[in-house]
Amino acid sequence: MVEVKDATHLLDVLGFFCPVPVAEAKQALSNMSVGSVLQVLASDPETLHDIPLMLGRTPHELLSVESIEGEYVFLIEVKANE
């Protein structure tokens, strides 16, 4: 059974468009401790591509992505300090 992790931090970038959601997520992750989980709320459809792409260049893990009525919820676990 997969362990579901609860968010320890919230980043609300609803209504913002590229590059703001990715830049804000990157900044938030850099200030978080290992093991913390960031929940990102976004409405820009580009984040479905851009956030996973950004995370591919980091040690962090994308735990889940949900799409709910035009809003996107990303759960990201901090794996190492950058």
N, C-alpha and C. Protein backbone atom coordinates (compact mmCIF):
# COMPACT_ATOMS: atom_id res chain seq x y z
N MET A 1 0.84 -1.19 0.00
CA MET A 1 0.00 0.00 0.00
C MET A 1 0.89 1.25 0.00
N VAL A 2 0.56 2.20 -0.86
CA VAL A 2 1.34 3.43 -0.99
C VAL A 2 0.93 4.40 0.11
N GLU A 3 1.93 4.97 0.76
CA GLU A 3 1.67 5.94 1.82
C GLU A 3 1.27 7.28 1.20
N VAL A 4 0.16 7.82 1.66
CA VAL A 4 -0.29 9.13 1.19
C VAL A 4 0.29 10.17 2.13
N LYS A 5 0.98 11.15 1.57
CA LYS A 5 1.61 12.18 2.39
C LYS A 5 0.76 13.45 2.35
N ASP A 6 0.60 14.05 3.52
CA ASP A 6 -0.14 15.30 3.62
C ASP A 6 0.80 16.48 3.39
N ALA A 7 0.26 17.53 2.80
CA ALA A 7 1.04 18.73 2.55
C ALA A 7 1.40 19.41 3.87
N THR A 8 2.62 19.88 3.94
CA THR A 8 3.07 20.66 5.09
C THR A 8 3.11 22.14 4.76
N HIS A 9 3.10 22.47 3.46
CA HIS A 9 3.15 23.85 2.99
C HIS A 9 2.18 24.01 1.82
N LEU A 10 1.66 25.21 1.66
CA LEU A 10 0.72 25.51 0.58
C LEU A 10 1.22 26.70 -0.23
N LEU A 11 1.18 26.56 -1.55
CA LEU A 11 1.50 27.66 -2.45
C LEU A 11 0.31 27.84 -3.38
N ASP A 12 -0.36 28.98 -3.26
CA ASP A 12 -1.54 29.29 -4.07
C ASP A 12 -1.14 30.27 -5.16
N VAL A 13 -1.04 29.78 -6.39
CA VAL A 13 -0.72 30.64 -7.53
C VAL A 13 -1.88 30.64 -8.53
N LEU A 14 -3.09 30.46 -8.03
CA LEU A 14 -4.28 30.51 -8.88
C LEU A 14 -4.37 31.90 -9.50
N GLY A 15 -4.63 31.94 -10.81
CA GLY A 15 -4.76 33.21 -11.51
C GLY A 15 -3.46 33.74 -12.08
N PHE A 16 -2.34 33.11 -11.75
CA PHE A 16 -1.04 33.55 -12.28
C PHE A 16 -0.66 32.66 -13.45
N PHE A 17 0.06 33.25 -14.40
CA PHE A 17 0.49 32.53 -15.59
C PHE A 17 2.00 32.46 -15.67
N CYS A 18 2.48 31.58 -16.54
CA CYS A 18 3.90 31.34 -16.74
C CYS A 18 4.64 32.68 -16.88
N PRO A 19 5.73 32.83 -16.21
CA PRO A 19 6.53 31.86 -15.46
C PRO A 19 6.29 31.89 -13.93
N VAL A 20 5.30 32.63 -13.48
CA VAL A 20 5.11 32.83 -12.04
C VAL A 20 4.92 31.53 -11.25
N PRO A 21 4.01 30.61 -11.64
CA PRO A 21 3.82 29.41 -10.83
C PRO A 21 5.09 28.59 -10.65
N VAL A 22 5.86 28.41 -11.71
CA VAL A 22 7.09 27.62 -11.63
C VAL A 22 8.13 28.35 -10.78
N ALA A 23 8.29 29.63 -11.00
CA ALA A 23 9.28 30.41 -10.23
C ALA A 23 8.93 30.41 -8.74
N GLU A 24 7.66 30.58 -8.42
CA GLU A 24 7.24 30.58 -7.02
C GLU A 24 7.40 29.20 -6.38
N ALA A 25 7.10 28.15 -7.13
CA ALA A 25 7.27 26.79 -6.61
C ALA A 25 8.74 26.51 -6.35
N LYS A 26 9.60 26.89 -7.28
CA LYS A 26 11.03 26.68 -7.12
C LYS A 26 11.54 27.41 -5.88
N GLN A 27 11.11 28.65 -5.70
CA GLN A 27 11.52 29.44 -4.55
C GLN A 27 11.03 28.80 -3.25
N ALA A 28 9.78 28.39 -3.22
CA ALA A 28 9.21 27.76 -2.02
C ALA A 28 9.98 26.49 -1.66
N LEU A 29 10.25 25.66 -2.65
CA LEU A 29 10.97 24.40 -2.40
C LEU A 29 12.37 24.65 -1.84
N SER A 30 13.01 25.71 -2.30
CA SER A 30 14.38 25.99 -1.85
C SER A 30 14.43 26.40 -0.38
N ASN A 31 13.29 26.83 0.17
CA ASN A 31 13.23 27.25 1.57
C ASN A 31 12.63 26.20 2.50
N MET A 32 12.38 25.01 1.98
CA MET A 32 11.74 23.96 2.77
C MET A 32 12.75 22.89 3.17
N SER A 33 12.46 22.20 4.26
CA SER A 33 13.37 21.15 4.74
C SER A 33 13.03 19.80 4.08
N VAL A 34 14.01 18.93 4.05
CA VAL A 34 13.86 17.60 3.47
C VAL A 34 12.71 16.87 4.17
N GLY A 35 11.85 16.25 3.36
CA GLY A 35 10.70 15.52 3.89
C GLY A 35 9.42 16.33 3.89
N SER A 36 9.54 17.66 3.74
CA SER A 36 8.36 18.51 3.67
C SER A 36 7.63 18.26 2.36
N VAL A 37 6.33 18.54 2.34
CA VAL A 37 5.53 18.35 1.13
C VAL A 37 4.83 19.67 0.78
N LEU A 38 5.06 20.13 -0.43
CA LEU A 38 4.47 21.37 -0.92
C LEU A 38 3.25 21.05 -1.78
N GLN A 39 2.12 21.68 -1.45
CA GLN A 39 0.93 21.58 -2.29
C GLN A 39 0.86 22.87 -3.09
N VAL A 40 0.85 22.75 -4.41
CA VAL A 40 0.77 23.91 -5.29
C VAL A 40 -0.62 23.91 -5.94
N LEU A 41 -1.34 25.02 -5.80
CA LEU A 41 -2.63 25.22 -6.45
C LEU A 41 -2.41 26.17 -7.62
N ALA A 42 -2.73 25.72 -8.82
CA ALA A 42 -2.50 26.53 -10.03
C ALA A 42 -3.69 26.43 -10.96
N SER A 43 -3.83 27.45 -11.81
CA SER A 43 -4.91 27.44 -12.79
C SER A 43 -4.38 27.53 -14.23
N ASP A 44 -3.10 27.77 -14.39
CA ASP A 44 -2.49 27.85 -15.72
C ASP A 44 -2.26 26.44 -16.24
N PRO A 45 -2.88 26.06 -17.36
CA PRO A 45 -2.71 24.71 -17.90
C PRO A 45 -1.26 24.38 -18.24
N GLU A 46 -0.45 25.39 -18.50
CA GLU A 46 0.97 25.16 -18.81
C GLU A 46 1.72 24.53 -17.64
N THR A 47 1.20 24.70 -16.42
CA THR A 47 1.88 24.11 -15.26
C THR A 47 1.90 22.59 -15.33
N LEU A 48 0.95 21.99 -16.04
CA LEU A 48 0.93 20.53 -16.20
C LEU A 48 2.20 20.04 -16.90
N HIS A 49 2.77 20.87 -17.72
CA HIS A 49 4.02 20.56 -18.42
C HIS A 49 5.22 21.13 -17.68
N ASP A 50 5.09 22.40 -17.24
CA ASP A 50 6.24 23.14 -16.71
C ASP A 50 6.71 22.67 -15.34
N ILE A 51 5.80 22.36 -14.43
CA ILE A 51 6.22 21.95 -13.09
C ILE A 51 6.94 20.60 -13.13
N PRO A 52 6.39 19.57 -13.80
CA PRO A 52 7.17 18.31 -13.90
C PRO A 52 8.52 18.50 -14.59
N LEU A 53 8.59 19.38 -15.59
CA LEU A 53 9.84 19.64 -16.29
C LEU A 53 10.85 20.27 -15.33
N MET A 54 10.42 21.25 -14.54
CA MET A 54 11.29 21.89 -13.57
C MET A 54 11.76 20.88 -12.52
N LEU A 55 10.85 20.04 -12.05
CA LEU A 55 11.20 19.05 -11.02
C LEU A 55 12.19 18.00 -11.55
N GLY A 56 12.17 17.77 -12.86
CA GLY A 56 13.11 16.83 -13.46
C GLY A 56 14.55 17.28 -13.33
N ARG A 57 14.76 18.56 -13.04
CA ARG A 57 16.11 19.11 -12.87
C ARG A 57 16.45 19.30 -11.40
N THR A 58 15.64 18.70 -10.52
CA THR A 58 15.86 18.81 -9.08
C THR A 58 15.80 17.41 -8.46
N PRO A 59 16.18 17.30 -7.20
CA PRO A 59 16.04 16.00 -6.54
C PRO A 59 14.63 15.74 -6.00
N HIS A 60 13.74 16.71 -6.11
CA HIS A 60 12.41 16.61 -5.51
C HIS A 60 11.52 15.64 -6.28
N GLU A 61 10.49 15.13 -5.58
CA GLU A 61 9.60 14.12 -6.17
C GLU A 61 8.18 14.65 -6.30
N LEU A 62 7.64 14.53 -7.50
CA LEU A 62 6.23 14.86 -7.74
C LEU A 62 5.40 13.67 -7.28
N LEU A 63 4.66 13.86 -6.20
CA LEU A 63 3.88 12.76 -5.62
C LEU A 63 2.57 12.55 -6.35
N SER A 64 1.91 13.66 -6.74
CA SER A 64 0.63 13.53 -7.44
C SER A 64 0.27 14.83 -8.14
N VAL A 65 -0.60 14.69 -9.14
CA VAL A 65 -1.18 15.83 -9.85
C VAL A 65 -2.66 15.54 -10.02
N GLU A 66 -3.49 16.49 -9.64
CA GLU A 66 -4.93 16.35 -9.83
C GLU A 66 -5.45 17.55 -10.60
N SER A 67 -6.43 17.31 -11.43
CA SER A 67 -7.12 18.38 -12.15
C SER A 67 -8.56 18.41 -11.66
N ILE A 68 -8.95 19.55 -11.10
CA ILE A 68 -10.29 19.69 -10.54
C ILE A 68 -10.91 20.98 -11.07
N GLU A 69 -11.82 20.84 -12.01
CA GLU A 69 -12.57 21.97 -12.55
C GLU A 69 -11.67 23.13 -12.98
N GLY A 70 -10.65 22.82 -13.78
CA GLY A 70 -9.78 23.86 -14.31
C GLY A 70 -8.69 24.32 -13.38
N GLU A 71 -8.59 23.69 -12.22
CA GLU A 71 -7.50 23.99 -11.30
C GLU A 71 -6.66 22.74 -11.13
N TYR A 72 -5.38 22.95 -10.88
CA TYR A 72 -4.44 21.85 -10.79
C TYR A 72 -3.81 21.84 -9.41
N VAL A 73 -3.70 20.65 -8.84
CA VAL A 73 -3.13 20.48 -7.51
C VAL A 73 -1.93 19.55 -7.63
N PHE A 74 -0.76 20.07 -7.30
CA PHE A 74 0.48 19.31 -7.33
C PHE A 74 0.94 19.07 -5.91
N LEU A 75 1.37 17.85 -5.60
CA LEU A 75 2.01 17.54 -4.32
C LEU A 75 3.45 17.19 -4.62
N ILE A 76 4.37 17.91 -3.99
CA ILE A 76 5.80 17.76 -4.26
C ILE A 76 6.53 17.53 -2.94
N GLU A 77 7.31 16.46 -2.87
CA GLU A 77 8.09 16.19 -1.67
C GLU A 77 9.53 16.67 -1.85
N VAL A 78 10.03 17.38 -0.85
CA VAL A 78 11.41 17.86 -0.86
C VAL A 78 12.31 16.67 -0.53
N LYS A 79 13.21 16.36 -1.43
CA LYS A 79 14.11 15.20 -1.26
C LYS A 79 15.52 15.60 -0.83
N ALA A 80 15.93 16.83 -1.11
CA ALA A 80 17.26 17.29 -0.71
C ALA A 80 17.27 18.81 -0.73
N ASN A 81 18.16 19.39 0.04
CA ASN A 81 18.31 20.84 0.01
C ASN A 81 19.14 21.22 -1.21
N GLU A 82 18.69 22.25 -1.89
CA GLU A 82 19.41 22.67 -3.10
C GLU A 82 20.41 23.75 -2.77
